[in-house]
Amino acid sequence: MPSTLRQAPPFVVLPEPADLPEALPEPAVGELRLELVLGALSDPLRLTIVRKLLLERERFDHPCGWFGLDRPKSSLTHHFKALRQAGVIRQRQYGLERRSHVRTDDLEAAFPGLLALVADWRPASV
């Protein structure tokens, strides 16, 4: 018989600090669609970004440079925008810098267990 007890996710959810800038436009929780989230996560670079945010974050949100990705800024902007528009990440503008974090509570409410799968994923190149 399957267990009805849910295990804790393999990542830590940090509390949201006070006085954050307003979030950039994103879908509301009720507008999250599985096909759009999975489409955004189907790209290995975007999956890597989300996994790194889940498992390696050092604070609530991180700027693009923190990821250490060797890609042109325009390419990274595209990938972060795709994740935000699908509802996977939330971005805020801090002066000239955009910082991102995973919408863990929203995604867990809409698609329980999805982020645990992302956290368990291993890139093929490793």
C-alpha atoms as a PDB file:
ATOM      1  CA  MET A   1       0.000   0.000   0.000  1.00  0.00           C
ATOM      2  CA  PRO A   2       1.516   3.404  -0.952  1.00  0.00           C
ATOM      3  CA  SER A   3       2.384   5.732   1.869  1.00  0.00           C
ATOM      4  CA  THR A   4       0.315   8.895   2.190  1.00  0.00           C
ATOM      5  CA  LEU A   5       3.059  10.667   4.111  1.00  0.00           C
ATOM      6  CA  ARG A   6       4.845  13.263   2.014  1.00  0.00           C
ATOM      7  CA  GLN A   7       8.569  13.589   2.342  1.00  0.00           C
ATOM      8  CA  ALA A   8      10.153  16.977   2.821  1.00  0.00           C
ATOM      9  CA  PRO A   9      11.543  18.423  -0.418  1.00  0.00           C
ATOM     10  CA  PRO A  10      15.308  18.011  -0.978  1.00  0.00           C
ATOM     11  CA  PHE A  11      15.780  21.786  -0.944  1.00  0.00           C
ATOM     12  CA  VAL A  12      15.433  24.581   1.579  1.00  0.00           C
ATOM     13  CA  VAL A  13      12.837  27.307   1.143  1.00  0.00           C
ATOM     14  CA  LEU A  14      14.174  30.596   2.476  1.00  0.00           C
ATOM     15  CA  PRO A  15      11.779  33.185   3.930  1.00  0.00           C
ATOM     16  CA  GLU A  16      10.981  36.216   1.813  1.00  0.00           C
ATOM     17  CA  PRO A  17      12.770  39.318   3.135  1.00  0.00           C
ATOM     18  CA  ALA A  18      10.811  42.473   3.922  1.00  0.00           C
ATOM     19  CA  ASP A  19      10.762  45.457   1.554  1.00  0.00           C
ATOM     20  CA  LEU A  20      11.454  43.595  -1.689  1.00  0.00           C
ATOM     21  CA  PRO A  21      10.975  45.412  -4.994  1.00  0.00           C
ATOM     22  CA  GLU A  22       7.781  44.541  -6.846  1.00  0.00           C
ATOM     23  CA  ALA A  23       7.962  41.345  -8.890  1.00  0.00           C
ATOM     24  CA  LEU A  24       8.075  41.547 -12.674  1.00  0.00           C
ATOM     25  CA  PRO A  25       4.925  40.373 -14.518  1.00  0.00           C
ATOM     26  CA  GLU A  26       4.253  36.660 -14.084  1.00  0.00           C
ATOM     27  CA  PRO A  27       1.277  34.288 -14.151  1.00  0.00           C
ATOM     28  CA  ALA A  28      -0.821  34.067 -10.982  1.00  0.00           C
ATOM     29  CA  VAL A  29      -0.884  30.740  -9.148  1.00  0.00           C
ATOM     30  CA  GLY A  30      -4.271  29.851 -10.646  1.00  0.00           C
ATOM     31  CA  GLU A  31      -2.908  30.535 -14.141  1.00  0.00           C
ATOM     32  CA  LEU A  32       0.052  28.126 -13.887  1.00  0.00           C
ATOM     33  CA  ARG A  33      -0.193  25.511 -16.626  1.00  0.00           C
ATOM     34  CA  LEU A  34       1.721  22.263 -16.532  1.00  0.00           C
ATOM     35  CA  GLU A  35       2.479  22.263 -20.262  1.00  0.00           C
ATOM     36  CA  LEU A  36       4.043  25.744 -20.023  1.00  0.00           C
ATOM     37  CA  VAL A  37       6.086  24.863 -16.932  1.00  0.00           C
ATOM     38  CA  LEU A  38       7.306  21.623 -18.508  1.00  0.00           C
ATOM     39  CA  GLY A  39       8.045  23.466 -21.758  1.00  0.00           C
ATOM     40  CA  ALA A  40      10.220  25.960 -19.881  1.00  0.00           C
ATOM     41  CA  LEU A  41      11.968  23.136 -18.020  1.00  0.00           C
ATOM     42  CA  SER A  42      12.540  21.120 -21.214  1.00  0.00           C
ATOM     43  CA  ASP A  43      15.657  23.153 -22.016  1.00  0.00           C
ATOM     44  CA  PRO A  44      18.714  21.744 -20.163  1.00  0.00           C
ATOM     45  CA  LEU A  45      20.120  25.223 -19.439  1.00  0.00           C
ATOM     46  CA  ARG A  46      16.848  26.385 -17.885  1.00  0.00           C
ATOM     47  CA  LEU A  47      16.594  23.158 -15.915  1.00  0.00           C
ATOM     48  CA  THR A  48      20.147  23.777 -14.676  1.00  0.00           C
ATOM     49  CA  ILE A  49      19.223  27.327 -13.607  1.00  0.00           C
ATOM     50  CA  VAL A  50      16.231  26.126 -11.590  1.00  0.00           C
ATOM     51  CA  ARG A  51      18.156  23.221 -10.042  1.00  0.00           C
ATOM     52  CA  LYS A  52      20.983  25.552  -8.999  1.00  0.00           C
ATOM     53  CA  LEU A  53      18.484  27.955  -7.420  1.00  0.00           C
ATOM     54  CA  LEU A  54      16.888  25.085  -5.520  1.00  0.00           C
ATOM     55  CA  LEU A  55      20.052  23.392  -4.266  1.00  0.00           C
ATOM     56  CA  GLU A  56      22.863  25.939  -4.165  1.00  0.00           C
ATOM     57  CA  ARG A  57      21.339  29.273  -3.326  1.00  0.00           C
ATOM     58  CA  GLU A  58      23.105  31.415  -0.794  1.00  0.00           C
ATOM     59  CA  ARG A  59      20.341  33.970  -0.229  1.00  0.00           C
ATOM     60  CA  PHE A  60      16.705  34.600  -1.150  1.00  0.00           C
ATOM     61  CA  ASP A  61      17.342  35.630  -4.766  1.00  0.00           C
ATOM     62  CA  HIS A  62      20.334  35.777  -7.088  1.00  0.00           C
ATOM     63  CA  PRO A  63      21.551  37.925  -9.989  1.00  0.00           C
ATOM     64  CA  CYS A  64      22.324  36.429 -13.381  1.00  0.00           C
ATOM     65  CA  GLY A  65      26.094  36.556 -12.774  1.00  0.00           C
ATOM     66  CA  TRP A  66      25.832  34.270  -9.730  1.00  0.00           C
ATOM     67  CA  PHE A  67      25.032  31.282 -11.945  1.00  0.00           C
ATOM     68  CA  GLY A  68      28.446  31.354 -13.635  1.00  0.00           C
ATOM     69  CA  LEU A  69      26.993  30.505 -17.036  1.00  0.00           C
ATOM     70  CA  ASP A  70      29.246  31.130 -20.018  1.00  0.00           C
ATOM     71  CA  ARG A  71      26.552  32.425 -22.360  1.00  0.00           C
ATOM     72  CA  PRO A  72      25.875  35.804 -23.967  1.00  0.00           C
ATOM     73  CA  LYS A  73      23.746  38.123 -21.852  1.00  0.00           C
ATOM     74  CA  SER A  74      21.021  38.179 -24.537  1.00  0.00           C
ATOM     75  CA  SER A  75      20.786  34.377 -24.421  1.00  0.00           C
ATOM     76  CA  LEU A  76      20.544  34.323 -20.640  1.00  0.00           C
ATOM     77  CA  THR A  77      17.909  37.069 -20.700  1.00  0.00           C
ATOM     78  CA  HIS A  78      15.834  34.888 -23.028  1.00  0.00           C
ATOM     79  CA  HIS A  79      16.117  31.837 -20.739  1.00  0.00           C
ATOM     80  CA  PHE A  80      15.261  33.740 -17.560  1.00  0.00           C
ATOM     81  CA  LYS A  81      12.294  35.384 -19.295  1.00  0.00           C
ATOM     82  CA  ALA A  82      10.996  31.989 -20.475  1.00  0.00           C
ATOM     83  CA  LEU A  83      11.182  30.657 -16.901  1.00  0.00           C
ATOM     84  CA  ARG A  84       9.419  33.751 -15.514  1.00  0.00           C
ATOM     85  CA  GLN A  85       6.663  33.771 -18.130  1.00  0.00           C
ATOM     86  CA  ALA A  86       5.957  30.082 -17.468  1.00  0.00           C
ATOM     87  CA  GLY A  87       5.696  30.840 -13.737  1.00  0.00           C
ATOM     88  CA  VAL A  88       8.759  28.861 -12.646  1.00  0.00           C
ATOM     89  CA  ILE A  89      10.781  31.769 -11.271  1.00  0.00           C
ATOM     90  CA  ARG A  90       9.987  35.190  -9.857  1.00  0.00           C
ATOM     91  CA  GLN A  91      12.213  38.099 -10.831  1.00  0.00           C
ATOM     92  CA  ARG A  92      12.646  41.497  -9.235  1.00  0.00           C
ATOM     93  CA  GLN A  93      14.529  44.530 -10.462  1.00  0.00           C
ATOM     94  CA  TYR A  94      17.194  45.912  -8.088  1.00  0.00           C
ATOM     95  CA  GLY A  95      18.474  49.012  -9.871  1.00  0.00           C
ATOM     96  CA  LEU A  96      20.190  47.690 -13.012  1.00  0.00           C
ATOM     97  CA  GLU A  97      20.195  44.098 -11.771  1.00  0.00           C
ATOM     98  CA  ARG A  98      17.478  41.444 -11.954  1.00  0.00           C
ATOM     99  CA  ARG A  99      17.442  38.762  -9.311  1.00  0.00           C
ATOM    100  CA  SER A 100      15.591  35.475  -9.476  1.00  0.00           C
ATOM    101  CA  HIS A 101      14.215  32.791  -7.192  1.00  0.00           C
ATOM    102  CA  VAL A 102      12.048  29.728  -7.735  1.00  0.00           C
ATOM    103  CA  ARG A 103       8.346  30.063  -6.932  1.00  0.00           C
ATOM    104  CA  THR A 104       8.548  26.993  -4.690  1.00  0.00           C
ATOM    105  CA  ASP A 105       5.301  27.466  -2.766  1.00  0.00           C
ATOM    106  CA  ASP A 106       3.288  28.237  -5.900  1.00  0.00           C
ATOM    107  CA  LEU A 107       4.736  25.337  -7.902  1.00  0.00           C
ATOM    108  CA  GLU A 108       4.353  22.851  -5.049  1.00  0.00           C
ATOM    109  CA  ALA A 109       0.711  23.899  -4.624  1.00  0.00           C
ATOM    110  CA  ALA A 110      -0.008  23.542  -8.337  1.00  0.00           C
ATOM    111  CA  PHE A 111       2.218  20.538  -9.155  1.00  0.00           C
ATOM    112  CA  PRO A 112       3.211  18.612  -5.987  1.00  0.00           C
ATOM    113  CA  GLY A 113       6.553  16.838  -6.325  1.00  0.00           C
ATOM    114  CA  LEU A 114       7.664  18.574  -9.529  1.00  0.00           C
ATOM    115  CA  LEU A 115      10.481  20.512  -7.863  1.00  0.00           C
ATOM    116  CA  ALA A 116      11.774  17.378  -6.132  1.00  0.00           C
ATOM    117  CA  LEU A 117      12.152  15.849  -9.604  1.00  0.00           C
ATOM    118  CA  VAL A 118      14.030  18.934 -10.785  1.00  0.00           C
ATOM    119  CA  ALA A 119      16.303  18.770  -7.738  1.00  0.00           C
ATOM    120  CA  ASP A 120      17.021  15.070  -8.386  1.00  0.00           C
ATOM    121  CA  TRP A 121      17.820  15.634 -12.081  1.00  0.00           C
ATOM    122  CA  ARG A 122      21.451  15.262 -13.157  1.00  0.00           C
ATOM    123  CA  PRO A 123      22.760  16.879 -16.364  1.00  0.00           C
ATOM    124  CA  ALA A 124      23.835  14.384 -19.027  1.00  0.00           C
ATOM    125  CA  SER A 125      27.250  16.044 -19.331  1.00  0.00           C
ATOM    126  CA  VAL A 126      28.219  15.252 -15.724  1.00  0.00           C
END
